[in-house]
Structures are given as C-alpha cells and as structure tokens.
C-alpha cells in the first residue's frame, strides 16, 4: 500500500490514473466475474483503496490539487461505466456518496489537525445522509424489499415467515445505512492519515489517535440521543443513535490503545480486542462506545499520581 501511495503522489497524472483504474475495477469486477464472495471482496478492497488514496491526496496536496485529480478520475469512471454498463450512475454515485464526503473530511483534518473535529464533522455529514434518506429516498426500503422478493420468487415460493424475516433485514439495513457510510468515511480518512504519517516516517498519527476525545458536550448529546432512540423507536432517531455510538466507539478504541500500548504482550491483547470487536460487535462495540462516553468525565487515560511523590 505504501508503494502504491508513493506512486500516486508523484504527480496529478499518476494520481488520476491510479484512482481512476481502481474505481473502474471496483465497478466492473462484480458484473464481469459474477456475484461471488471473491468478486465482492475484491470490489470492496479496490474501492476502499481508491477512496483512501483520494483522502491521502487531499491531506498531502490540498483540496484544489486533489479536486482536479478527482474530477478527472470521476469523469473517466463515469465514461467507462456508461460504455460498459450503459449507465453513468455507478461512477456518479461513487463520486457523490464516497469521494465528496471523504474530500470534505480530509480537508477538515488537513486544516484543523484534529481527529476529534473530523469525527464530529463526519457526524454532521451522517445527519445529512439521514435527512436525504428519509426525505427524498422514502421509497428506498420498499424498493429494495421488492427487488429481493422478486429475485427470490424466481427461485422458489417464499413463505410468509421468510418474507417477514426479509422485511426485518431490509429495515435493519436501512437503519444502518447512514452509520455504515459514516464508519466507512472515518476509517478511510484515518487510514489516509496513517499513510501520510508512514510516508513522512512519523509517529504522529498514533499519538493523535491515542489522545482522541470528543468532549463533554458531544458526550451529553450521546447520553440523550441513544436512550431516546431506544425509547421512541423513530427510524431517523435510531439511525442517528447508531452514528453517535460509532463516533464514541472510536474514542473508546483510543482509550484501549492508550491503556494497552505500554503493556507487556500488547500485540496479543490488541488482536484479542479487535477479534472481539469484529465478531461480538453487539456487545464489545457497545461497551467500547460507553467507555468512550464516560472517558470524557473520568479520563481513563490520565496517568495515576505516584503516591511516593512528596512535594
């Protein structure tokens, strides 16, 4: 990845070529190879690389230079999608839903040098996604459900219980849509920041991340929003609560990194933590987010005072 990043940053032509090629591969790999686990993983990885490099370009070269590269890449991608799939929509949707938010967040991080401010700005973008979802894409859930039903009906008759399970699954996916995009935006920008530090042979990102704190006002919002979402069961409020939980999960992860960094066998503890976070995210993720919220008052990363220290 570092080699690809170095080549991308050599100049605007190299950057446009790499980002455009990765985006084209991400769009075409499933139609060409078919819908298989391998093609889906490859499409995800190539798409992630493209968006990470977009963030890296903004962080290192600024928004003006980065936007030029990204506009060229988006045009090439849209043209390729139109020629190969008879629709420019995949290219345009990738540019609007993925690249533009990453550009905005990367520019905020470049200007402010604050991971916390970037996380909170991402929450604002997530709220905008929720607003668009429930104001302008109101039929998205029903449309997706109808497509799944039609596809499954072609294979066999769908039982009533299975249809209800599919409806619940689609509803859950709609509730997680904005938070999934938020998680992707933040991960992409953080990986881009890590790449920037690696290319500069700096340890700055690690220090930034371990000191990440969103602050008491944001924590108070979380304390109000999450219980309200569970109590009122309003779709838009639940979607917002998911975003808030993810934001403070990052602060909780920062607490874990800060506390474990100097421990013996730290690598094994980190591996165990992330395995639990991925495979038991319903429990570990919530506990990590709660840790992040409480940390704004209890400051778990504060070094204990030496009781033997006499002034």
C-alpha atoms as a PDB file:
ATOM      1  CA  UNK A   1       0.000   0.000   0.000  1.00  0.00           C
ATOM      2  CA  UNK A   2       2.854   2.387   0.787  1.00  0.00           C
ATOM      3  CA  UNK A   3       4.395   1.752  -2.640  1.00  0.00           C
ATOM      4  CA  UNK A   4       1.080   2.476  -4.349  1.00  0.00           C
ATOM      5  CA  UNK A   5       0.656   5.622  -2.222  1.00  0.00           C
ATOM      6  CA  UNK A   6       4.134   6.895  -3.156  1.00  0.00           C
ATOM      7  CA  UNK A   7       3.434   6.366  -6.858  1.00  0.00           C
ATOM      8  CA  UNK A   8       0.043   8.082  -6.568  1.00  0.00           C
ATOM      9  CA  UNK A   9       1.633  11.181  -5.030  1.00  0.00           C
ATOM     10  CA  UNK A  10       4.266  11.552  -7.770  1.00  0.00           C
ATOM     11  CA  UNK A  11       2.021  13.805  -9.820  1.00  0.00           C
ATOM     12  CA  UNK A  12      -1.553  14.545 -10.950  1.00  0.00           C
ATOM     13  CA  UNK A  13      -1.400  12.168 -13.919  1.00  0.00           C
ATOM     14  CA  UNK A  14      -0.234   9.262 -11.788  1.00  0.00           C
ATOM     15  CA  UNK A  15      -2.857  10.070  -9.153  1.00  0.00           C
ATOM     16  CA  UNK A  16      -5.711  10.261 -11.659  1.00  0.00           C
ATOM     17  CA  UNK A  17      -4.572   7.040 -13.331  1.00  0.00           C
ATOM     18  CA  UNK A  18      -4.362   5.041 -10.096  1.00  0.00           C
ATOM     19  CA  UNK A  19      -7.591   6.340  -8.549  1.00  0.00           C
ATOM     20  CA  UNK A  20      -9.490   6.024 -11.827  1.00  0.00           C
ATOM     21  CA  UNK A  21      -8.225   2.492 -12.508  1.00  0.00           C
ATOM     22  CA  UNK A  22      -9.050   1.266  -9.011  1.00  0.00           C
ATOM     23  CA  UNK A  23     -12.524   2.787  -9.220  1.00  0.00           C
ATOM     24  CA  UNK A  24     -13.160   1.189 -12.623  1.00  0.00           C
ATOM     25  CA  UNK A  25     -12.070  -2.217 -11.288  1.00  0.00           C
ATOM     26  CA  UNK A  26     -14.381  -1.782  -8.271  1.00  0.00           C
ATOM     27  CA  UNK A  27     -17.359  -1.005 -10.518  1.00  0.00           C
ATOM     28  CA  UNK A  28     -16.768  -3.700 -13.166  1.00  0.00           C
ATOM     29  CA  UNK A  29     -15.392  -6.623 -11.176  1.00  0.00           C
ATOM     30  CA  UNK A  30     -18.777  -7.965  -9.995  1.00  0.00           C
ATOM     31  CA  UNK A  31     -20.534  -7.657 -13.403  1.00  0.00           C
ATOM     32  CA  UNK A  32     -17.555  -9.359 -15.088  1.00  0.00           C
ATOM     33  CA  UNK A  33     -16.818 -12.100 -12.528  1.00  0.00           C
ATOM     34  CA  UNK A  34     -20.373 -12.565 -11.319  1.00  0.00           C
ATOM     35  CA  UNK A  35     -21.776 -12.108  -7.829  1.00  0.00           C
ATOM     36  CA  UNK A  36     -19.445 -14.316  -5.788  1.00  0.00           C
ATOM     37  CA  UNK A  37     -17.755 -13.831  -2.394  1.00  0.00           C
ATOM     38  CA  UNK A  38     -14.382 -13.396  -4.135  1.00  0.00           C
ATOM     39  CA  UNK A  39     -15.650 -10.722  -6.535  1.00  0.00           C
ATOM     40  CA  UNK A  40     -17.434  -8.860  -3.736  1.00  0.00           C
ATOM     41  CA  UNK A  41     -14.295  -8.821  -1.554  1.00  0.00           C
ATOM     42  CA  UNK A  42     -12.123  -7.687  -4.481  1.00  0.00           C
ATOM     43  CA  UNK A  43     -14.602  -4.938  -5.356  1.00  0.00           C
ATOM     44  CA  UNK A  44     -14.659  -3.785  -1.723  1.00  0.00           C
ATOM     45  CA  UNK A  45     -10.852  -3.758  -1.416  1.00  0.00           C
ATOM     46  CA  UNK A  46     -10.247  -1.900  -4.692  1.00  0.00           C
ATOM     47  CA  UNK A  47     -12.979   0.601  -3.877  1.00  0.00           C
ATOM     48  CA  UNK A  48     -11.523   1.136  -0.392  1.00  0.00           C
ATOM     49  CA  UNK A  49      -8.045   1.710  -1.847  1.00  0.00           C
ATOM     50  CA  UNK A  50      -9.402   4.256  -4.331  1.00  0.00           C
ATOM     51  CA  UNK A  51     -11.199   6.246  -1.641  1.00  0.00           C
ATOM     52  CA  UNK A  52      -8.222   6.065   0.751  1.00  0.00           C
ATOM     53  CA  UNK A  53      -5.961   7.460  -1.953  1.00  0.00           C
ATOM     54  CA  UNK A  54      -8.474  10.255  -2.547  1.00  0.00           C
ATOM     55  CA  UNK A  55      -8.187  11.162   1.130  1.00  0.00           C
ATOM     56  CA  UNK A  56      -4.387  10.927   1.017  1.00  0.00           C
ATOM     57  CA  UNK A  57      -4.234  13.269  -1.982  1.00  0.00           C
ATOM     58  CA  UNK A  58      -6.305  15.869  -0.119  1.00  0.00           C
ATOM     59  CA  UNK A  59      -4.235  15.523   3.072  1.00  0.00           C
ATOM     60  CA  UNK A  60      -0.913  15.930   1.281  1.00  0.00           C
ATOM     61  CA  UNK A  61      -1.713  18.237  -1.641  1.00  0.00           C
ATOM     62  CA  UNK A  62      -4.780  20.189  -0.563  1.00  0.00           C
ATOM     63  CA  UNK A  63      -8.315  20.373  -1.877  1.00  0.00           C
ATOM     64  CA  UNK A  64      -7.589  22.311  -5.086  1.00  0.00           C
ATOM     65  CA  UNK A  65      -4.972  19.911  -6.425  1.00  0.00           C
ATOM     66  CA  UNK A  66      -6.920  16.952  -5.106  1.00  0.00           C
ATOM     67  CA  UNK A  67     -10.198  18.021  -6.677  1.00  0.00           C
ATOM     68  CA  UNK A  68      -8.584  18.279 -10.104  1.00  0.00           C
ATOM     69  CA  UNK A  69      -7.393  14.692  -9.854  1.00  0.00           C
ATOM     70  CA  UNK A  70     -10.730  13.506  -8.509  1.00  0.00           C
ATOM     71  CA  UNK A  71     -12.798  15.274 -11.194  1.00  0.00           C
ATOM     72  CA  UNK A  72     -10.706  13.646 -13.928  1.00  0.00           C
ATOM     73  CA  UNK A  73     -10.993  10.246 -12.260  1.00  0.00           C
ATOM     74  CA  UNK A  74     -14.771  10.635 -11.825  1.00  0.00           C
ATOM     75  CA  UNK A  75     -15.222  11.602 -15.479  1.00  0.00           C
ATOM     76  CA  UNK A  76     -13.157   8.633 -16.663  1.00  0.00           C
ATOM     77  CA  UNK A  77     -15.083   6.300 -14.355  1.00  0.00           C
ATOM     78  CA  UNK A  78     -18.465   7.648 -15.487  1.00  0.00           C
ATOM     79  CA  UNK A  79     -17.487   7.317 -19.147  1.00  0.00           C
ATOM     80  CA  UNK A  80     -16.264   3.753 -18.628  1.00  0.00           C
ATOM     81  CA  UNK A  81     -19.456   2.836 -16.744  1.00  0.00           C
ATOM     82  CA  UNK A  82     -21.599   4.386 -19.492  1.00  0.00           C
ATOM     83  CA  UNK A  83     -19.744   2.481 -22.206  1.00  0.00           C
ATOM     84  CA  UNK A  84     -19.646  -0.840 -20.356  1.00  0.00           C
ATOM     85  CA  UNK A  85     -22.886  -0.799 -18.370  1.00  0.00           C
ATOM     86  CA  UNK A  86     -24.941   1.691 -20.409  1.00  0.00           C
ATOM     87  CA  UNK A  87     -25.209   3.887 -17.340  1.00  0.00           C
ATOM     88  CA  UNK A  88     -23.002   6.534 -15.784  1.00  0.00           C
ATOM     89  CA  UNK A  89     -24.793   6.153 -12.449  1.00  0.00           C
ATOM     90  CA  UNK A  90     -22.163   3.892 -10.778  1.00  0.00           C
ATOM     91  CA  UNK A  91     -19.433   6.457 -11.423  1.00  0.00           C
ATOM     92  CA  UNK A  92     -21.537   9.406 -10.336  1.00  0.00           C
ATOM     93  CA  UNK A  93     -22.817   7.673  -7.197  1.00  0.00           C
ATOM     94  CA  UNK A  94     -19.277   6.697  -6.205  1.00  0.00           C
ATOM     95  CA  UNK A  95     -18.092  10.284  -6.627  1.00  0.00           C
ATOM     96  CA  UNK A  96     -21.029  11.807  -4.746  1.00  0.00           C
ATOM     97  CA  UNK A  97     -21.601   9.277  -1.965  1.00  0.00           C
ATOM     98  CA  UNK A  98     -17.984   8.299  -1.287  1.00  0.00           C
ATOM     99  CA  UNK A  99     -15.428  10.731  -2.688  1.00  0.00           C
ATOM    100  CA  UNK A 100     -17.068  14.068  -1.826  1.00  0.00           C
ATOM    101  CA  UNK A 101     -17.605  13.307   1.889  1.00  0.00           C
ATOM    102  CA  UNK A 102     -14.039  11.969   2.149  1.00  0.00           C
ATOM    103  CA  UNK A 103     -12.738  15.103   0.422  1.00  0.00           C
ATOM    104  CA  UNK A 104     -14.601  17.292   2.939  1.00  0.00           C
ATOM    105  CA  UNK A 105     -13.414  15.329   5.979  1.00  0.00           C
ATOM    106  CA  UNK A 106      -9.832  15.088   4.734  1.00  0.00           C
ATOM    107  CA  UNK A 107      -9.749  18.846   4.155  1.00  0.00           C
ATOM    108  CA  UNK A 108     -11.109  19.445   7.666  1.00  0.00           C
ATOM    109  CA  UNK A 109      -8.413  17.179   9.093  1.00  0.00           C
ATOM    110  CA  UNK A 110      -5.731  18.858   6.986  1.00  0.00           C
ATOM    111  CA  UNK A 111      -6.813  22.314   8.206  1.00  0.00           C
ATOM    112  CA  UNK A 112      -7.530  21.532  11.848  1.00  0.00           C
ATOM    113  CA  UNK A 113      -5.117  18.648  12.571  1.00  0.00           C
ATOM    114  CA  UNK A 114      -7.889  17.361  14.856  1.00  0.00           C
ATOM    115  CA  UNK A 115      -9.203  13.806  14.643  1.00  0.00           C
ATOM    116  CA  UNK A 116     -11.978  14.753  17.093  1.00  0.00           C
ATOM    117  CA  UNK A 117     -13.212  17.616  14.920  1.00  0.00           C
ATOM    118  CA  UNK A 118     -13.086  15.310  11.895  1.00  0.00           C
ATOM    119  CA  UNK A 119     -15.211  12.710  13.708  1.00  0.00           C
ATOM    120  CA  UNK A 120     -17.771  15.338  14.695  1.00  0.00           C
ATOM    121  CA  UNK A 121     -17.845  16.782  11.167  1.00  0.00           C
ATOM    122  CA  UNK A 122     -18.496  13.253   9.951  1.00  0.00           C
ATOM    123  CA  UNK A 123     -21.500  13.097  12.287  1.00  0.00           C
ATOM    124  CA  UNK A 124     -22.898  16.195  10.545  1.00  0.00           C
ATOM    125  CA  UNK A 125     -22.439  14.501   7.154  1.00  0.00           C
ATOM    126  CA  UNK A 126     -24.163  11.412   8.565  1.00  0.00           C
ATOM    127  CA  UNK A 127     -27.119  13.558   9.663  1.00  0.00           C
ATOM    128  CA  UNK A 128     -27.359  14.939   6.112  1.00  0.00           C
ATOM    129  CA  UNK A 129     -27.410  11.389   4.761  1.00  0.00           C
ATOM    130  CA  UNK A 130     -30.246  10.549   7.173  1.00  0.00           C
ATOM    131  CA  UNK A 131     -32.168  13.634   6.058  1.00  0.00           C
ATOM    132  CA  UNK A 132     -31.815  12.688   2.390  1.00  0.00           C
ATOM    133  CA  UNK A 133     -32.698   9.079   3.164  1.00  0.00           C
ATOM    134  CA  UNK A 134     -35.977   9.837   4.920  1.00  0.00           C
ATOM    135  CA  UNK A 135     -36.991  12.959   2.986  1.00  0.00           C
ATOM    136  CA  UNK A 136     -36.024  12.084  -0.584  1.00  0.00           C
ATOM    137  CA  UNK A 137     -35.440   8.303  -0.561  1.00  0.00           C
ATOM    138  CA  UNK A 138     -38.579   7.377   1.355  1.00  0.00           C
ATOM    139  CA  UNK A 139     -39.324   4.506  -1.036  1.00  0.00           C
ATOM    140  CA  UNK A 140     -35.793   3.073  -0.810  1.00  0.00           C
ATOM    141  CA  UNK A 141     -36.759   0.434   1.754  1.00  0.00           C
ATOM    142  CA  UNK A 142     -39.834  -0.751  -0.117  1.00  0.00           C
ATOM    143  CA  UNK A 143     -37.969  -0.718  -3.432  1.00  0.00           C
ATOM    144  CA  UNK A 144     -35.098  -2.797  -2.072  1.00  0.00           C
ATOM    145  CA  UNK A 145     -37.523  -5.234  -0.424  1.00  0.00           C
ATOM    146  CA  UNK A 146     -39.466  -5.621  -3.687  1.00  0.00           C
ATOM    147  CA  UNK A 147     -36.264  -6.371  -5.608  1.00  0.00           C
ATOM    148  CA  UNK A 148     -35.246  -9.063  -3.118  1.00  0.00           C
ATOM    149  CA  UNK A 149     -38.720 -10.618  -3.164  1.00  0.00           C
ATOM    150  CA  UNK A 150     -38.791 -10.683  -6.966  1.00  0.00           C
ATOM    151  CA  UNK A 151     -35.343 -12.278  -7.113  1.00  0.00           C
ATOM    152  CA  UNK A 152     -36.227 -14.913  -4.516  1.00  0.00           C
ATOM    153  CA  UNK A 153     -39.646 -15.556  -6.076  1.00  0.00           C
ATOM    154  CA  UNK A 154     -37.907 -16.583  -9.278  1.00  0.00           C
ATOM    155  CA  UNK A 155     -36.146 -19.353  -7.369  1.00  0.00           C
ATOM    156  CA  UNK A 156     -38.967 -20.709  -5.202  1.00  0.00           C
ATOM    157  CA  UNK A 157     -42.154 -19.741  -3.422  1.00  0.00           C
ATOM    158  CA  UNK A 158     -41.431 -17.521  -0.426  1.00  0.00           C
ATOM    159  CA  UNK A 159     -43.084 -18.474   2.848  1.00  0.00           C
ATOM    160  CA  UNK A 160     -44.778 -15.791   4.909  1.00  0.00           C
ATOM    161  CA  UNK A 161     -42.293 -16.146   7.774  1.00  0.00           C
ATOM    162  CA  UNK A 162     -39.351 -15.827   5.385  1.00  0.00           C
ATOM    163  CA  UNK A 163     -40.901 -12.706   3.843  1.00  0.00           C
ATOM    164  CA  UNK A 164     -41.259 -11.187   7.325  1.00  0.00           C
ATOM    165  CA  UNK A 165     -37.633 -12.011   8.106  1.00  0.00           C
ATOM    166  CA  UNK A 166     -36.528 -10.393   4.848  1.00  0.00           C
ATOM    167  CA  UNK A 167     -38.586  -7.300   5.677  1.00  0.00           C
ATOM    168  CA  UNK A 168     -36.897  -7.050   9.094  1.00  0.00           C
ATOM    169  CA  UNK A 169     -33.485  -7.497   7.481  1.00  0.00           C
ATOM    170  CA  UNK A 170     -34.152  -4.741   4.932  1.00  0.00           C
ATOM    171  CA  UNK A 171     -35.394  -2.439   7.689  1.00  0.00           C
ATOM    172  CA  UNK A 172     -32.209  -3.064   9.690  1.00  0.00           C
ATOM    173  CA  UNK A 173     -30.087  -2.302   6.624  1.00  0.00           C
ATOM    174  CA  UNK A 174     -31.963   0.977   6.155  1.00  0.00           C
ATOM    175  CA  UNK A 175     -31.370   1.901   9.800  1.00  0.00           C
ATOM    176  CA  UNK A 176     -27.659   1.117   9.399  1.00  0.00           C
ATOM    177  CA  UNK A 177     -27.225   2.864   6.034  1.00  0.00           C
ATOM    178  CA  UNK A 178     -26.079   6.258   7.316  1.00  0.00           C
ATOM    179  CA  UNK A 179     -23.949   4.807  10.133  1.00  0.00           C
ATOM    180  CA  UNK A 180     -22.286   2.358   7.710  1.00  0.00           C
ATOM    181  CA  UNK A 181     -21.357   5.229   5.411  1.00  0.00           C
ATOM    182  CA  UNK A 182     -20.135   7.240   8.417  1.00  0.00           C
ATOM    183  CA  UNK A 183     -17.972   4.332   9.561  1.00  0.00           C
ATOM    184  CA  UNK A 184     -16.508   3.988   6.073  1.00  0.00           C
ATOM    185  CA  UNK A 185     -15.758   7.732   5.782  1.00  0.00           C
ATOM    186  CA  UNK A 186     -13.965   7.837   9.133  1.00  0.00           C
ATOM    187  CA  UNK A 187     -11.996   4.649   8.521  1.00  0.00           C
ATOM    188  CA  UNK A 188     -10.907   5.908   5.102  1.00  0.00           C
ATOM    189  CA  UNK A 189      -9.745   9.281   6.428  1.00  0.00           C
ATOM    190  CA  UNK A 190      -7.935   7.673   9.380  1.00  0.00           C
ATOM    191  CA  UNK A 191      -6.177   5.172   7.091  1.00  0.00           C
ATOM    192  CA  UNK A 192      -5.202   8.052   4.800  1.00  0.00           C
ATOM    193  CA  UNK A 193      -3.820   9.924   7.820  1.00  0.00           C
ATOM    194  CA  UNK A 194      -1.881   6.822   8.856  1.00  0.00           C
ATOM    195  CA  UNK A 195      -0.443   6.540   5.336  1.00  0.00           C
ATOM    196  CA  UNK A 196       0.539  10.196   5.421  1.00  0.00           C
ATOM    197  CA  UNK A 197       2.405   9.632   8.701  1.00  0.00           C
ATOM    198  CA  UNK A 198       4.083   6.478   7.374  1.00  0.00           C
ATOM    199  CA  UNK A 199       5.264   8.244   4.221  1.00  0.00           C
ATOM    200  CA  UNK A 200       6.704  11.018   6.396  1.00  0.00           C
ATOM    201  CA  UNK A 201       8.226   8.400   8.753  1.00  0.00           C
ATOM    202  CA  UNK A 202       6.343   9.995  11.638  1.00  0.00           C
ATOM    203  CA  UNK A 203       4.658   8.550  14.726  1.00  0.00           C
ATOM    204  CA  UNK A 204       2.246  11.467  14.840  1.00  0.00           C
ATOM    205  CA  UNK A 205      -0.907   9.566  13.935  1.00  0.00           C
ATOM    206  CA  UNK A 206      -0.516   7.131  16.813  1.00  0.00           C
ATOM    207  CA  UNK A 207      -0.124   9.973  19.276  1.00  0.00           C
ATOM    208  CA  UNK A 208      -3.100  11.824  17.774  1.00  0.00           C
ATOM    209  CA  UNK A 209      -5.325   8.768  17.938  1.00  0.00           C
ATOM    210  CA  UNK A 210      -4.420   7.752  21.497  1.00  0.00           C
ATOM    211  CA  UNK A 211      -5.337  11.248  22.727  1.00  0.00           C
ATOM    212  CA  UNK A 212      -8.648  11.366  20.823  1.00  0.00           C
ATOM    213  CA  UNK A 213     -11.501  12.868  22.888  1.00  0.00           C
ATOM    214  CA  UNK A 214     -14.811  14.227  21.582  1.00  0.00           C
ATOM    215  CA  UNK A 215     -15.550  16.334  24.659  1.00  0.00           C
ATOM    216  CA  UNK A 216     -18.290  16.595  27.267  1.00  0.00           C
ATOM    217  CA  UNK A 217     -20.866  18.470  25.103  1.00  0.00           C
ATOM    218  CA  UNK A 218     -20.771  15.704  22.484  1.00  0.00           C
ATOM    219  CA  UNK A 219     -20.921  13.075  25.241  1.00  0.00           C
ATOM    220  CA  UNK A 220     -24.029  14.752  26.676  1.00  0.00           C
ATOM    221  CA  UNK A 221     -25.655  14.553  23.235  1.00  0.00           C
ATOM    222  CA  UNK A 222     -24.877  10.834  23.186  1.00  0.00           C
ATOM    223  CA  UNK A 223     -26.355  10.347  26.666  1.00  0.00           C
ATOM    224  CA  UNK A 224     -29.611  11.934  25.430  1.00  0.00           C
ATOM    225  CA  UNK A 225     -29.840  10.627  21.862  1.00  0.00           C
ATOM    226  CA  UNK A 226     -29.139   6.918  22.380  1.00  0.00           C
ATOM    227  CA  UNK A 227     -31.786   6.339  25.110  1.00  0.00           C
ATOM    228  CA  UNK A 228     -34.288   8.453  23.155  1.00  0.00           C
ATOM    229  CA  UNK A 229     -33.715   6.339  20.062  1.00  0.00           C
ATOM    230  CA  UNK A 230     -34.404   3.158  22.037  1.00  0.00           C
ATOM    231  CA  UNK A 231     -37.441   4.688  23.751  1.00  0.00           C
ATOM    232  CA  UNK A 232     -39.181   6.424  20.847  1.00  0.00           C
ATOM    233  CA  UNK A 233     -38.276   3.866  18.143  1.00  0.00           C
ATOM    234  CA  UNK A 234     -38.259   6.542  15.439  1.00  0.00           C
ATOM    235  CA  UNK A 235     -36.294   5.314  12.407  1.00  0.00           C
ATOM    236  CA  UNK A 236     -34.373   8.549  11.827  1.00  0.00           C
ATOM    237  CA  UNK A 237     -33.514   8.858  15.525  1.00  0.00           C
ATOM    238  CA  UNK A 238     -32.282   5.257  15.690  1.00  0.00           C
ATOM    239  CA  UNK A 239     -30.111   5.892  12.626  1.00  0.00           C
ATOM    240  CA  UNK A 240     -28.650   8.971  14.333  1.00  0.00           C
ATOM    241  CA  UNK A 241     -28.061   6.989  17.535  1.00  0.00           C
ATOM    242  CA  UNK A 242     -26.056   4.403  15.569  1.00  0.00           C
ATOM    243  CA  UNK A 243     -23.805   7.180  14.238  1.00  0.00           C
ATOM    244  CA  UNK A 244     -23.283   8.591  17.733  1.00  0.00           C
ATOM    245  CA  UNK A 245     -22.395   5.136  19.082  1.00  0.00           C
ATOM    246  CA  UNK A 246     -19.812   4.638  16.319  1.00  0.00           C
ATOM    247  CA  UNK A 247     -18.281   8.063  16.979  1.00  0.00           C
ATOM    248  CA  UNK A 248     -17.740   7.281  20.659  1.00  0.00           C
ATOM    249  CA  UNK A 249     -16.624   3.767  19.831  1.00  0.00           C
ATOM    250  CA  UNK A 250     -13.594   5.397  18.203  1.00  0.00           C
ATOM    251  CA  UNK A 251     -12.880   7.284  21.426  1.00  0.00           C
ATOM    252  CA  UNK A 252     -13.257   4.020  23.347  1.00  0.00           C
ATOM    253  CA  UNK A 253     -10.788   2.342  20.972  1.00  0.00           C
ATOM    254  CA  UNK A 254      -8.401   5.238  21.588  1.00  0.00           C
ATOM    255  CA  UNK A 255      -8.699   4.589  25.334  1.00  0.00           C
ATOM    256  CA  UNK A 256      -7.899   0.901  24.782  1.00  0.00           C
ATOM    257  CA  UNK A 257      -4.844   1.772  22.680  1.00  0.00           C
ATOM    258  CA  UNK A 258      -3.628   4.260  25.261  1.00  0.00           C
ATOM    259  CA  UNK A 259      -4.030   1.816  28.137  1.00  0.00           C
ATOM    260  CA  UNK A 260      -2.542  -1.209  26.355  1.00  0.00           C
ATOM    261  CA  UNK A 261       0.292   0.468  24.431  1.00  0.00           C
ATOM    262  CA  UNK A 262       2.843   0.102  27.218  1.00  0.00           C
ATOM    263  CA  UNK A 263       1.636  -3.289  28.449  1.00  0.00           C
ATOM    264  CA  UNK A 264       3.579  -6.498  28.068  1.00  0.00           C
ATOM    265  CA  UNK A 265       2.202  -8.673  25.252  1.00  0.00           C
ATOM    266  CA  UNK A 266       0.360  -5.608  23.917  1.00  0.00           C
ATOM    267  CA  UNK A 267       0.135  -7.068  20.400  1.00  0.00           C
ATOM    268  CA  UNK A 268      -1.719 -10.146  21.597  1.00  0.00           C
ATOM    269  CA  UNK A 269      -4.108  -8.008  23.647  1.00  0.00           C
ATOM    270  CA  UNK A 270      -4.795  -5.776  20.638  1.00  0.00           C
ATOM    271  CA  UNK A 271      -5.505  -8.811  18.452  1.00  0.00           C
ATOM    272  CA  UNK A 272      -7.887 -10.203  21.072  1.00  0.00           C
ATOM    273  CA  UNK A 273      -9.661  -6.861  21.401  1.00  0.00           C
ATOM    274  CA  UNK A 274     -10.201  -6.429  17.664  1.00  0.00           C
ATOM    275  CA  UNK A 275     -11.325 -10.052  17.234  1.00  0.00           C
ATOM    276  CA  UNK A 276     -13.948  -9.444  19.916  1.00  0.00           C
ATOM    277  CA  UNK A 277     -14.872  -6.100  18.357  1.00  0.00           C
ATOM    278  CA  UNK A 278     -15.464  -7.675  14.936  1.00  0.00           C
ATOM    279  CA  UNK A 279     -17.160 -10.912  15.937  1.00  0.00           C
ATOM    280  CA  UNK A 280     -19.067  -9.730  19.028  1.00  0.00           C
ATOM    281  CA  UNK A 281     -19.648  -6.146  17.962  1.00  0.00           C
ATOM    282  CA  UNK A 282     -23.132  -6.071  19.502  1.00  0.00           C
ATOM    283  CA  UNK A 283     -21.537  -6.386  22.950  1.00  0.00           C
ATOM    284  CA  UNK A 284     -17.919  -5.257  22.580  1.00  0.00           C
ATOM    285  CA  UNK A 285     -18.806  -2.320  20.328  1.00  0.00           C
ATOM    286  CA  UNK A 286     -21.436  -1.006  22.752  1.00  0.00           C
ATOM    287  CA  UNK A 287     -19.129  -1.421  25.762  1.00  0.00           C
ATOM    288  CA  UNK A 288     -16.333   0.342  23.876  1.00  0.00           C
ATOM    289  CA  UNK A 289     -18.676   3.221  22.984  1.00  0.00           C
ATOM    290  CA  UNK A 290     -19.825   3.504  26.618  1.00  0.00           C
ATOM    291  CA  UNK A 291     -16.159   3.621  27.646  1.00  0.00           C
ATOM    292  CA  UNK A 292     -15.616   6.443  25.149  1.00  0.00           C
ATOM    293  CA  UNK A 293     -18.561   8.417  26.508  1.00  0.00           C
ATOM    294  CA  UNK A 294     -17.603   8.022  30.184  1.00  0.00           C
ATOM    295  CA  UNK A 295     -13.960   8.843  29.398  1.00  0.00           C
ATOM    296  CA  UNK A 296     -14.951  12.469  28.839  1.00  0.00           C
ATOM    297  CA  UNK A 297     -15.620  12.762  32.584  1.00  0.00           C
ATOM    298  CA  UNK A 298     -13.419  10.104  34.195  1.00  0.00           C
ATOM    299  CA  UNK A 299     -10.401  10.481  31.872  1.00  0.00           C
ATOM    300  CA  UNK A 300      -9.274   6.850  31.811  1.00  0.00           C
ATOM    301  CA  UNK A 301      -6.023   7.859  30.100  1.00  0.00           C
ATOM    302  CA  UNK A 302      -4.880  10.045  32.964  1.00  0.00           C
ATOM    303  CA  UNK A 303      -1.672   8.722  34.453  1.00  0.00           C
ATOM    304  CA  UNK A 304      -2.051   7.831  38.133  1.00  0.00           C
ATOM    305  CA  UNK A 305      -0.175  10.003  40.543  1.00  0.00           C
ATOM    306  CA  UNK A 306       2.825   8.480  42.301  1.00  0.00           C
ATOM    307  CA  UNK A 307       1.818   8.096  45.983  1.00  0.00           C
ATOM    308  CA  UNK A 308       5.510   8.172  46.964  1.00  0.00           C
ATOM    309  CA  UNK A 309       5.974  11.560  45.362  1.00  0.00           C
ATOM    310  CA  UNK A 310       6.305  14.109  48.195  1.00  0.00           C
ATOM    311  CA  UNK A 311       6.355  17.809  47.320  1.00  0.00           C
END
